[in-house]
Amino acid sequence: METKLTSAKKQVIIRTEGPTVLIGERINPTGKKKLTEALKSGNLEIVRKEAIAQVQAGADILDVNVGALGVDEEVLLPEVVKVVMNTVDVPLCLDSANPVALEKSLKVYQGKPLVNSVTGQENSLKRVLPLIKKYGAAVIGLTMDDDGIPDDVDKRVAIAHKIVERAEKVGIPREDVIIDCLTLAVGANDKAGVVVIESIRRVREELGVNLTLGASNISFGLPDRDIINNAFITVAICTGVTCPIVDVAKVRPAVLATDLILGRDRYAMRYIKAYQQRQKQMEK
């Protein structure tokens, strides 16, 4: 299964049997006071710097989210999308729950983006899927519905089936639907990790689609979060996640090592190249 995304100059292919594709998460004001204030004031220099830093760290795709209290997403999201497109050449993931903001951003985007996201909620399916079809985008499907995020595996997998089926019904090919089985904090529920991992395994086996994950949610509220995140992302990739949404600078070494062990890095070339780049940066 291949999901192809493009910018004006570059194509990224997410493959169920290929190397892991990394979606950079840092252009998102959630929990970032400095970025939130910059967005409110219209100062987008911090966005440019984050975009450059993430691509230099190895991001293949950048998630772009401006959702914060006091920010007009319908105005700002397309503007930020244009800024990021003019700053880096990787494809973008347009991240908003506001269909109007999404459509305005899809109109200005050059290439085929990923949209984050549609859910199993009827209102979301009816409003978002037609936009994906109209603009020829790919979409992330979140395994939640009108009752929220299910606590058990069967319900999450059922929602994934529903999203894929509804997408195909309106003419969106299965390869353009990427499922997110939704990570919850393991500190609040010690079964949260088991549920999401088993959901990933089932979705991969039953639907064959690519899968993403907001990996850092697993460690929320716990100390030494990077240790937990790196362990979790390794397990998730081994189970079927192909394009996690992550802080690339922190997890890429672990991801490359996982790909190497899984036989996705011929002669360890990607791993060695990344090591050499880190050594040069340390010397500087």
C-alpha atoms as a PDB file:
ATOM      1  CA  MET A   1       0.000   0.000   0.000  1.00  0.00           C
ATOM      2  CA  GLU A   2       1.472   3.358  -1.072  1.00  0.00           C
ATOM      3  CA  THR A   3       0.277   6.822  -0.117  1.00  0.00           C
ATOM      4  CA  LYS A   4       1.863   9.474  -2.331  1.00  0.00           C
ATOM      5  CA  LEU A   5       2.106  13.085  -1.133  1.00  0.00           C
ATOM      6  CA  THR A   6       3.695  16.010  -2.938  1.00  0.00           C
ATOM      7  CA  SER A   7       4.817  19.579  -2.482  1.00  0.00           C
ATOM      8  CA  ALA A   8       5.551  21.851  -5.420  1.00  0.00           C
ATOM      9  CA  LYS A   9       9.007  20.256  -5.752  1.00  0.00           C
ATOM     10  CA  LYS A  10       9.091  16.991  -3.844  1.00  0.00           C
ATOM     11  CA  GLN A  11       7.250  13.669  -3.585  1.00  0.00           C
ATOM     12  CA  VAL A  12       7.121  11.505  -0.470  1.00  0.00           C
ATOM     13  CA  ILE A  13       5.794   7.947  -0.648  1.00  0.00           C
ATOM     14  CA  ILE A  14       4.518   6.274   2.513  1.00  0.00           C
ATOM     15  CA  ARG A  15       4.719   2.491   2.112  1.00  0.00           C
ATOM     16  CA  THR A  16       3.431  -0.235   4.381  1.00  0.00           C
ATOM     17  CA  GLU A  17       6.613  -2.202   3.643  1.00  0.00           C
ATOM     18  CA  GLY A  18       9.006   0.750   3.302  1.00  0.00           C
ATOM     19  CA  PRO A  19      11.132   2.877   5.629  1.00  0.00           C
ATOM     20  CA  THR A  20       9.318   4.927   8.244  1.00  0.00           C
ATOM     21  CA  VAL A  21       8.219   8.391   7.124  1.00  0.00           C
ATOM     22  CA  LEU A  22       8.406  11.056   9.840  1.00  0.00           C
ATOM     23  CA  ILE A  23       5.794  13.806  10.197  1.00  0.00           C
ATOM     24  CA  GLY A  24       7.159  16.735  12.212  1.00  0.00           C
ATOM     25  CA  GLU A  25       4.783  17.812  14.985  1.00  0.00           C
ATOM     26  CA  ARG A  26       6.269  21.076  16.226  1.00  0.00           C
ATOM     27  CA  ILE A  27       4.248  23.660  14.267  1.00  0.00           C
ATOM     28  CA  ASN A  28       1.415  23.285  16.751  1.00  0.00           C
ATOM     29  CA  PRO A  29       0.676  25.826  19.504  1.00  0.00           C
ATOM     30  CA  THR A  30      -0.680  23.256  21.969  1.00  0.00           C
ATOM     31  CA  GLY A  31       1.429  23.627  25.109  1.00  0.00           C
ATOM     32  CA  LYS A  32       3.727  26.161  23.412  1.00  0.00           C
ATOM     33  CA  LYS A  33       3.127  29.627  24.874  1.00  0.00           C
ATOM     34  CA  LYS A  34       5.747  31.358  22.725  1.00  0.00           C
ATOM     35  CA  LEU A  35       4.325  29.978  19.482  1.00  0.00           C
ATOM     36  CA  THR A  36       0.764  30.771  20.557  1.00  0.00           C
ATOM     37  CA  GLU A  37       1.621  34.411  21.255  1.00  0.00           C
ATOM     38  CA  ALA A  38       3.503  34.702  17.964  1.00  0.00           C
ATOM     39  CA  LEU A  39       0.524  33.361  16.025  1.00  0.00           C
ATOM     40  CA  LYS A  40      -1.834  35.756  17.784  1.00  0.00           C
ATOM     41  CA  SER A  41       0.386  38.702  16.890  1.00  0.00           C
ATOM     42  CA  GLY A  42       0.868  37.569  13.298  1.00  0.00           C
ATOM     43  CA  ASN A  43       4.630  37.084  13.754  1.00  0.00           C
ATOM     44  CA  LEU A  44       5.377  33.999  11.656  1.00  0.00           C
ATOM     45  CA  GLU A  45       9.174  34.038  11.925  1.00  0.00           C
ATOM     46  CA  ILE A  46       9.041  31.354  14.614  1.00  0.00           C
ATOM     47  CA  VAL A  47       7.046  29.186  12.196  1.00  0.00           C
ATOM     48  CA  ARG A  48       9.760  29.576   9.548  1.00  0.00           C
ATOM     49  CA  LYS A  49      12.471  28.635  12.038  1.00  0.00           C
ATOM     50  CA  GLU A  50      10.548  25.570  13.236  1.00  0.00           C
ATOM     51  CA  ALA A  51       9.960  24.426   9.662  1.00  0.00           C
ATOM     52  CA  ILE A  52      13.657  24.697   8.776  1.00  0.00           C
ATOM     53  CA  ALA A  53      14.802  23.040  12.011  1.00  0.00           C
ATOM     54  CA  GLN A  54      12.475  20.073  11.568  1.00  0.00           C
ATOM     55  CA  VAL A  55      13.480  19.435   7.974  1.00  0.00           C
ATOM     56  CA  GLN A  56      17.149  19.676   8.941  1.00  0.00           C
ATOM     57  CA  ALA A  57      16.457  17.143  11.713  1.00  0.00           C
ATOM     58  CA  GLY A  58      15.033  14.722   9.137  1.00  0.00           C
ATOM     59  CA  ALA A  59      11.292  15.415   8.879  1.00  0.00           C
ATOM     60  CA  ASP A  60       9.787  14.081   5.643  1.00  0.00           C
ATOM     61  CA  ILE A  61       6.440  15.888   6.097  1.00  0.00           C
ATOM     62  CA  LEU A  62       5.449  18.810   8.335  1.00  0.00           C
ATOM     63  CA  ASP A  63       2.196  18.994  10.265  1.00  0.00           C
ATOM     64  CA  VAL A  64       0.824  22.567  10.299  1.00  0.00           C
ATOM     65  CA  ASN A  65      -1.602  23.463  13.088  1.00  0.00           C
ATOM     66  CA  VAL A  66      -2.557  26.947  14.327  1.00  0.00           C
ATOM     67  CA  GLY A  67      -5.437  25.982  16.615  1.00  0.00           C
ATOM     68  CA  ALA A  68      -5.281  28.110  19.753  1.00  0.00           C
ATOM     69  CA  LEU A  69      -7.602  30.341  21.752  1.00  0.00           C
ATOM     70  CA  GLY A  70      -7.754  33.757  20.121  1.00  0.00           C
ATOM     71  CA  VAL A  71      -6.503  32.559  16.719  1.00  0.00           C
ATOM     72  CA  ASP A  72      -8.782  32.726  13.671  1.00  0.00           C
ATOM     73  CA  GLU A  73      -7.877  29.462  11.949  1.00  0.00           C
ATOM     74  CA  GLU A  74      -9.848  30.315   8.826  1.00  0.00           C
ATOM     75  CA  VAL A  75      -7.608  33.320   8.234  1.00  0.00           C
ATOM     76  CA  LEU A  76      -4.308  32.156   9.692  1.00  0.00           C
ATOM     77  CA  LEU A  77      -4.022  28.503   8.620  1.00  0.00           C
ATOM     78  CA  PRO A  78      -3.828  29.241   4.863  1.00  0.00           C
ATOM     79  CA  GLU A  79      -1.347  32.047   5.568  1.00  0.00           C
ATOM     80  CA  VAL A  80       0.890  29.772   7.634  1.00  0.00           C
ATOM     81  CA  VAL A  81       0.625  27.068   4.968  1.00  0.00           C
ATOM     82  CA  LYS A  82       1.889  29.549   2.370  1.00  0.00           C
ATOM     83  CA  VAL A  83       4.753  30.619   4.650  1.00  0.00           C
ATOM     84  CA  VAL A  84       5.859  27.027   5.270  1.00  0.00           C
ATOM     85  CA  MET A  85       5.572  26.137   1.554  1.00  0.00           C
ATOM     86  CA  ASN A  86       7.840  29.070   0.723  1.00  0.00           C
ATOM     87  CA  THR A  87      10.337  28.066   3.436  1.00  0.00           C
ATOM     88  CA  VAL A  88      10.814  24.311   2.929  1.00  0.00           C
ATOM     89  CA  ASP A  89      10.120  21.902   0.084  1.00  0.00           C
ATOM     90  CA  VAL A  90       8.575  18.928   1.928  1.00  0.00           C
ATOM     91  CA  PRO A  91       4.858  18.035   1.681  1.00  0.00           C
ATOM     92  CA  LEU A  92       2.561  19.346   4.405  1.00  0.00           C
ATOM     93  CA  CYS A  93      -0.083  17.885   6.672  1.00  0.00           C
ATOM     94  CA  LEU A  94      -2.903  20.434   7.072  1.00  0.00           C
ATOM     95  CA  ASP A  95      -4.103  20.030  10.648  1.00  0.00           C
ATOM     96  CA  SER A  96      -7.466  21.455  11.694  1.00  0.00           C
ATOM     97  CA  ALA A  97     -10.890  20.366  12.886  1.00  0.00           C
ATOM     98  CA  ASN A  98     -12.384  23.369  11.065  1.00  0.00           C
ATOM     99  CA  PRO A  99     -13.562  22.369   7.557  1.00  0.00           C
ATOM    100  CA  VAL A 100     -13.628  26.011   6.378  1.00  0.00           C
ATOM    101  CA  ALA A 101     -10.003  26.505   7.427  1.00  0.00           C
ATOM    102  CA  LEU A 102      -9.094  23.232   5.735  1.00  0.00           C
ATOM    103  CA  GLU A 103     -10.713  24.179   2.441  1.00  0.00           C
ATOM    104  CA  LYS A 104      -9.065  27.608   2.381  1.00  0.00           C
ATOM    105  CA  SER A 105      -5.719  25.910   2.996  1.00  0.00           C
ATOM    106  CA  LEU A 106      -6.346  23.259   0.345  1.00  0.00           C
ATOM    107  CA  LYS A 107      -7.051  26.021  -2.165  1.00  0.00           C
ATOM    108  CA  VAL A 108      -3.613  27.620  -1.660  1.00  0.00           C
ATOM    109  CA  TYR A 109      -1.625  24.383  -1.328  1.00  0.00           C
ATOM    110  CA  GLN A 110       0.665  23.442  -4.217  1.00  0.00           C
ATOM    111  CA  GLY A 111       0.717  19.676  -4.603  1.00  0.00           C
ATOM    112  CA  LYS A 112      -1.060  16.824  -2.833  1.00  0.00           C
ATOM    113  CA  PRO A 113      -1.185  17.309   0.946  1.00  0.00           C
ATOM    114  CA  LEU A 114      -2.238  15.151   3.848  1.00  0.00           C
ATOM    115  CA  VAL A 115      -5.228  16.419   5.861  1.00  0.00           C
ATOM    116  CA  ASN A 116      -5.407  15.872   9.599  1.00  0.00           C
ATOM    117  CA  SER A 117      -8.151  14.787  10.024  1.00  0.00           C
ATOM    118  CA  VAL A 118     -11.527  13.088   9.644  1.00  0.00           C
ATOM    119  CA  THR A 119     -13.169  11.064  12.428  1.00  0.00           C
ATOM    120  CA  GLY A 120     -15.913   8.473  12.564  1.00  0.00           C
ATOM    121  CA  GLN A 121     -18.356  11.182  13.626  1.00  0.00           C
ATOM    122  CA  GLU A 122     -21.124  11.676  11.085  1.00  0.00           C
ATOM    123  CA  ASN A 123     -20.648  15.432  10.950  1.00  0.00           C
ATOM    124  CA  SER A 124     -16.942  15.023  10.258  1.00  0.00           C
ATOM    125  CA  LEU A 125     -17.438  12.363   7.590  1.00  0.00           C
ATOM    126  CA  LYS A 126     -20.027  14.452   5.771  1.00  0.00           C
ATOM    127  CA  ARG A 127     -18.001  17.680   5.837  1.00  0.00           C
ATOM    128  CA  VAL A 128     -14.390  16.524   5.461  1.00  0.00           C
ATOM    129  CA  LEU A 129     -14.492  13.607   3.010  1.00  0.00           C
ATOM    130  CA  PRO A 130     -16.015  15.687   0.171  1.00  0.00           C
ATOM    131  CA  LEU A 131     -13.122  18.160   0.567  1.00  0.00           C
ATOM    132  CA  ILE A 132     -10.573  15.337   0.315  1.00  0.00           C
ATOM    133  CA  LYS A 133     -12.223  14.090  -2.868  1.00  0.00           C
ATOM    134  CA  LYS A 134     -12.601  17.583  -4.370  1.00  0.00           C
ATOM    135  CA  TYR A 135      -8.957  18.581  -3.877  1.00  0.00           C
ATOM    136  CA  GLY A 136      -7.370  15.153  -4.391  1.00  0.00           C
ATOM    137  CA  ALA A 137      -5.734  15.071  -0.965  1.00  0.00           C
ATOM    138  CA  ALA A 138      -4.981  12.204   1.409  1.00  0.00           C
ATOM    139  CA  VAL A 139      -6.520  12.128   4.878  1.00  0.00           C
ATOM    140  CA  ILE A 140      -5.834  10.855   8.381  1.00  0.00           C
ATOM    141  CA  GLY A 141      -8.766   8.986   9.920  1.00  0.00           C
ATOM    142  CA  LEU A 142      -9.011   9.126  13.721  1.00  0.00           C
ATOM    143  CA  THR A 143     -10.604   6.139  15.463  1.00  0.00           C
ATOM    144  CA  MET A 144     -13.144   8.137  17.440  1.00  0.00           C
ATOM    145  CA  ASP A 145     -16.835   8.715  16.818  1.00  0.00           C
ATOM    146  CA  ASP A 146     -19.836  10.485  18.337  1.00  0.00           C
ATOM    147  CA  ASP A 147     -19.272   8.533  21.575  1.00  0.00           C
ATOM    148  CA  GLY A 148     -15.646   9.647  21.875  1.00  0.00           C
ATOM    149  CA  ILE A 149     -12.492   7.509  21.866  1.00  0.00           C
ATOM    150  CA  PRO A 150     -13.376   3.848  22.588  1.00  0.00           C
ATOM    151  CA  ASP A 151     -11.606   2.049  25.409  1.00  0.00           C
ATOM    152  CA  ASP A 152     -11.494  -1.269  23.576  1.00  0.00           C
ATOM    153  CA  VAL A 153      -9.808  -2.550  20.457  1.00  0.00           C
ATOM    154  CA  ASP A 154     -12.867  -3.858  18.611  1.00  0.00           C
ATOM    155  CA  LYS A 155     -14.598  -0.480  18.589  1.00  0.00           C
ATOM    156  CA  ARG A 156     -11.520   1.386  17.365  1.00  0.00           C
ATOM    157  CA  VAL A 157     -11.032  -1.116  14.565  1.00  0.00           C
ATOM    158  CA  ALA A 158     -14.716  -0.862  13.638  1.00  0.00           C
ATOM    159  CA  ILE A 159     -14.400   2.931  13.323  1.00  0.00           C
ATOM    160  CA  ALA A 160     -11.354   2.498  11.099  1.00  0.00           C
ATOM    161  CA  HIS A 161     -13.405   0.220   8.832  1.00  0.00           C
ATOM    162  CA  LYS A 162     -16.215   2.783   8.778  1.00  0.00           C
ATOM    163  CA  ILE A 163     -13.894   5.627   7.769  1.00  0.00           C
ATOM    164  CA  VAL A 164     -12.247   3.623   4.984  1.00  0.00           C
ATOM    165  CA  GLU A 165     -15.599   2.394   3.665  1.00  0.00           C
ATOM    166  CA  ARG A 166     -17.132   5.869   3.662  1.00  0.00           C
ATOM    167  CA  ALA A 167     -14.051   7.299   1.957  1.00  0.00           C
ATOM    168  CA  GLU A 168     -14.160   4.666  -0.784  1.00  0.00           C
ATOM    169  CA  LYS A 169     -17.885   5.285  -1.202  1.00  0.00           C
ATOM    170  CA  VAL A 170     -17.239   8.913  -2.212  1.00  0.00           C
ATOM    171  CA  GLY A 171     -14.368   7.954  -4.511  1.00  0.00           C
ATOM    172  CA  ILE A 172     -11.326   8.334  -2.251  1.00  0.00           C
ATOM    173  CA  PRO A 173      -8.956   5.393  -2.845  1.00  0.00           C
ATOM    174  CA  ARG A 174      -8.000   3.319   0.174  1.00  0.00           C
ATOM    175  CA  GLU A 175      -4.338   4.227  -0.210  1.00  0.00           C
ATOM    176  CA  ASP A 176      -5.238   7.862   0.504  1.00  0.00           C
ATOM    177  CA  VAL A 177      -6.649   7.049   3.940  1.00  0.00           C
ATOM    178  CA  ILE A 178      -4.133   6.823   6.789  1.00  0.00           C
ATOM    179  CA  ILE A 179      -5.538   5.556  10.091  1.00  0.00           C
ATOM    180  CA  ASP A 180      -4.590   6.917  13.524  1.00  0.00           C
ATOM    181  CA  CYS A 181      -5.604   4.514  16.316  1.00  0.00           C
ATOM    182  CA  LEU A 182      -5.126   7.326  18.864  1.00  0.00           C
ATOM    183  CA  THR A 183      -2.585   7.228  21.651  1.00  0.00           C
ATOM    184  CA  LEU A 184      -3.755   8.000  25.194  1.00  0.00           C
ATOM    185  CA  ALA A 185      -1.589   8.587  28.254  1.00  0.00           C
ATOM    186  CA  VAL A 186      -0.313   5.382  29.794  1.00  0.00           C
ATOM    187  CA  GLY A 187       0.158   7.224  33.097  1.00  0.00           C
ATOM    188  CA  ALA A 188      -3.620   7.632  33.370  1.00  0.00           C
ATOM    189  CA  ASN A 189      -4.482   4.152  32.100  1.00  0.00           C
ATOM    190  CA  ASP A 190      -1.910   1.381  32.202  1.00  0.00           C
ATOM    191  CA  LYS A 191      -3.750  -0.468  29.403  1.00  0.00           C
ATOM    192  CA  ALA A 192      -3.681   2.507  26.994  1.00  0.00           C
ATOM    193  CA  GLY A 193      -0.524   1.326  25.265  1.00  0.00           C
ATOM    194  CA  VAL A 194      -1.753  -2.248  24.881  1.00  0.00           C
ATOM    195  CA  VAL A 195      -5.066  -1.094  23.381  1.00  0.00           C
ATOM    196  CA  VAL A 196      -3.497   1.178  20.766  1.00  0.00           C
ATOM    197  CA  ILE A 197      -0.824  -1.357  19.770  1.00  0.00           C
ATOM    198  CA  GLU A 198      -3.388  -4.138  19.330  1.00  0.00           C
ATOM    199  CA  SER A 199      -5.635  -1.727  17.377  1.00  0.00           C
ATOM    200  CA  ILE A 200      -2.728  -0.926  15.055  1.00  0.00           C
ATOM    201  CA  ARG A 201      -2.035  -4.623  14.490  1.00  0.00           C
ATOM    202  CA  ARG A 202      -5.683  -5.329  13.656  1.00  0.00           C
ATOM    203  CA  VAL A 203      -6.092  -2.349  11.324  1.00  0.00           C
ATOM    204  CA  ARG A 204      -2.935  -3.275   9.453  1.00  0.00           C
ATOM    205  CA  GLU A 205      -4.067  -6.895   9.043  1.00  0.00           C
ATOM    206  CA  GLU A 206      -7.710  -6.183   8.179  1.00  0.00           C
ATOM    207  CA  LEU A 207      -7.459  -3.014   6.065  1.00  0.00           C
ATOM    208  CA  GLY A 208      -3.861  -2.985   4.833  1.00  0.00           C
ATOM    209  CA  VAL A 209      -3.616   0.803   5.067  1.00  0.00           C
ATOM    210  CA  ASN A 210      -0.810   3.043   6.234  1.00  0.00           C
ATOM    211  CA  LEU A 211      -0.980   4.125   9.872  1.00  0.00           C
ATOM    212  CA  THR A 212       0.080   7.199  11.786  1.00  0.00           C
ATOM    213  CA  LEU A 213       0.196   8.018  15.499  1.00  0.00           C
ATOM    214  CA  GLY A 214       0.703  11.031  17.751  1.00  0.00           C
ATOM    215  CA  ALA A 215       3.406   9.147  19.583  1.00  0.00           C
ATOM    216  CA  SER A 216       4.286  11.578  22.388  1.00  0.00           C
ATOM    217  CA  ASN A 217       0.785  11.425  23.914  1.00  0.00           C
ATOM    218  CA  ILE A 218       1.727   8.071  25.457  1.00  0.00           C
ATOM    219  CA  SER A 219       4.051   9.705  28.027  1.00  0.00           C
ATOM    220  CA  PHE A 220       1.942  12.701  29.034  1.00  0.00           C
ATOM    221  CA  GLY A 221       2.340  13.545  32.727  1.00  0.00           C
ATOM    222  CA  LEU A 222       5.293  11.218  33.320  1.00  0.00           C
ATOM    223  CA  PRO A 223       8.999  11.977  33.940  1.00  0.00           C
ATOM    224  CA  ASP A 224      11.724  11.274  31.366  1.00  0.00           C
ATOM    225  CA  ARG A 225       9.165  11.321  28.561  1.00  0.00           C
ATOM    226  CA  ASP A 226      11.739  10.814  25.804  1.00  0.00           C
ATOM    227  CA  ILE A 227      12.605   7.356  27.142  1.00  0.00           C
ATOM    228  CA  ILE A 228       8.961   6.280  27.018  1.00  0.00           C
ATOM    229  CA  ASN A 229       8.365   7.880  23.608  1.00  0.00           C
ATOM    230  CA  ASN A 230      11.353   6.139  22.001  1.00  0.00           C
ATOM    231  CA  ALA A 231      10.340   2.755  23.400  1.00  0.00           C
ATOM    232  CA  PHE A 232       6.746   3.251  22.271  1.00  0.00           C
ATOM    233  CA  ILE A 233       7.575   4.411  18.754  1.00  0.00           C
ATOM    234  CA  THR A 234       9.766   1.347  18.243  1.00  0.00           C
ATOM    235  CA  VAL A 235       6.948  -0.998  19.247  1.00  0.00           C
ATOM    236  CA  ALA A 236       4.438   0.959  17.132  1.00  0.00           C
ATOM    237  CA  ILE A 237       6.613   0.758  14.013  1.00  0.00           C
ATOM    238  CA  CYS A 238       7.154  -2.968  14.486  1.00  0.00           C
ATOM    239  CA  THR A 239       3.377  -3.392  14.758  1.00  0.00           C
ATOM    240  CA  GLY A 240       2.470  -1.396  11.646  1.00  0.00           C
ATOM    241  CA  VAL A 241       2.795   2.365  12.033  1.00  0.00           C
ATOM    242  CA  THR A 242       4.398   3.798   8.889  1.00  0.00           C
ATOM    243  CA  CYS A 243       4.285   7.592   9.356  1.00  0.00           C
ATOM    244  CA  PRO A 244       4.196   8.714  13.015  1.00  0.00           C
ATOM    245  CA  ILE A 245       3.724  12.343  14.027  1.00  0.00           C
ATOM    246  CA  VAL A 246       6.714  13.083  16.249  1.00  0.00           C
ATOM    247  CA  ASP A 247       9.322  15.511  17.501  1.00  0.00           C
ATOM    248  CA  VAL A 248      11.754  14.391  14.799  1.00  0.00           C
ATOM    249  CA  ALA A 249      14.978  15.595  16.414  1.00  0.00           C
ATOM    250  CA  LYS A 250      14.281  13.484  19.498  1.00  0.00           C
ATOM    251  CA  VAL A 251      13.064  10.215  17.974  1.00  0.00           C
ATOM    252  CA  ARG A 252      14.760   9.899  14.588  1.00  0.00           C
ATOM    253  CA  PRO A 253      17.808   7.926  15.802  1.00  0.00           C
ATOM    254  CA  ALA A 254      15.531   5.332  17.414  1.00  0.00           C
ATOM    255  CA  VAL A 255      13.342   5.198  14.299  1.00  0.00           C
ATOM    256  CA  LEU A 256      16.327   4.677  11.996  1.00  0.00           C
ATOM    257  CA  ALA A 257      17.651   1.942  14.272  1.00  0.00           C
ATOM    258  CA  THR A 258      14.234   0.244  14.196  1.00  0.00           C
ATOM    259  CA  ASP A 259      14.085   0.421  10.386  1.00  0.00           C
ATOM    260  CA  LEU A 260      17.596  -1.025  10.221  1.00  0.00           C
ATOM    261  CA  ILE A 261      16.650  -3.990  12.401  1.00  0.00           C
ATOM    262  CA  LEU A 262      13.492  -4.572  10.341  1.00  0.00           C
ATOM    263  CA  GLY A 263      15.544  -4.839   7.147  1.00  0.00           C
ATOM    264  CA  ARG A 264      14.428  -1.509   5.700  1.00  0.00           C
ATOM    265  CA  ASP A 265      17.861   0.110   5.443  1.00  0.00           C
ATOM    266  CA  ARG A 266      20.142  -1.564   2.896  1.00  0.00           C
ATOM    267  CA  TYR A 267      23.699  -1.845   4.238  1.00  0.00           C
ATOM    268  CA  ALA A 268      22.698   0.548   7.083  1.00  0.00           C
ATOM    269  CA  MET A 269      23.245   3.511   4.751  1.00  0.00           C
ATOM    270  CA  ARG A 270      20.471   5.723   6.195  1.00  0.00           C
ATOM    271  CA  TYR A 271      21.538   4.992   9.762  1.00  0.00           C
ATOM    272  CA  ILE A 272      25.222   5.716   9.048  1.00  0.00           C
ATOM    273  CA  LYS A 273      24.460   8.909   7.110  1.00  0.00           C
ATOM    274  CA  ALA A 274      22.331  10.234   9.982  1.00  0.00           C
ATOM    275  CA  TYR A 275      25.088   9.365  12.465  1.00  0.00           C
ATOM    276  CA  GLN A 276      27.649  11.257  10.397  1.00  0.00           C
ATOM    277  CA  GLN A 277      25.360  14.293  10.210  1.00  0.00           C
ATOM    278  CA  ARG A 278      24.906  14.278  14.015  1.00  0.00           C
ATOM    279  CA  GLN A 279      28.664  14.082  14.488  1.00  0.00           C
ATOM    280  CA  LYS A 280      29.220  17.115  12.240  1.00  0.00           C
ATOM    281  CA  GLN A 281      26.605  19.083  14.144  1.00  0.00           C
ATOM    282  CA  MET A 282      28.240  18.188  17.461  1.00  0.00           C
ATOM    283  CA  GLU A 283      31.633  19.300  16.165  1.00  0.00           C
ATOM    284  CA  LYS A 284      30.178  22.651  15.084  1.00  0.00           C
END
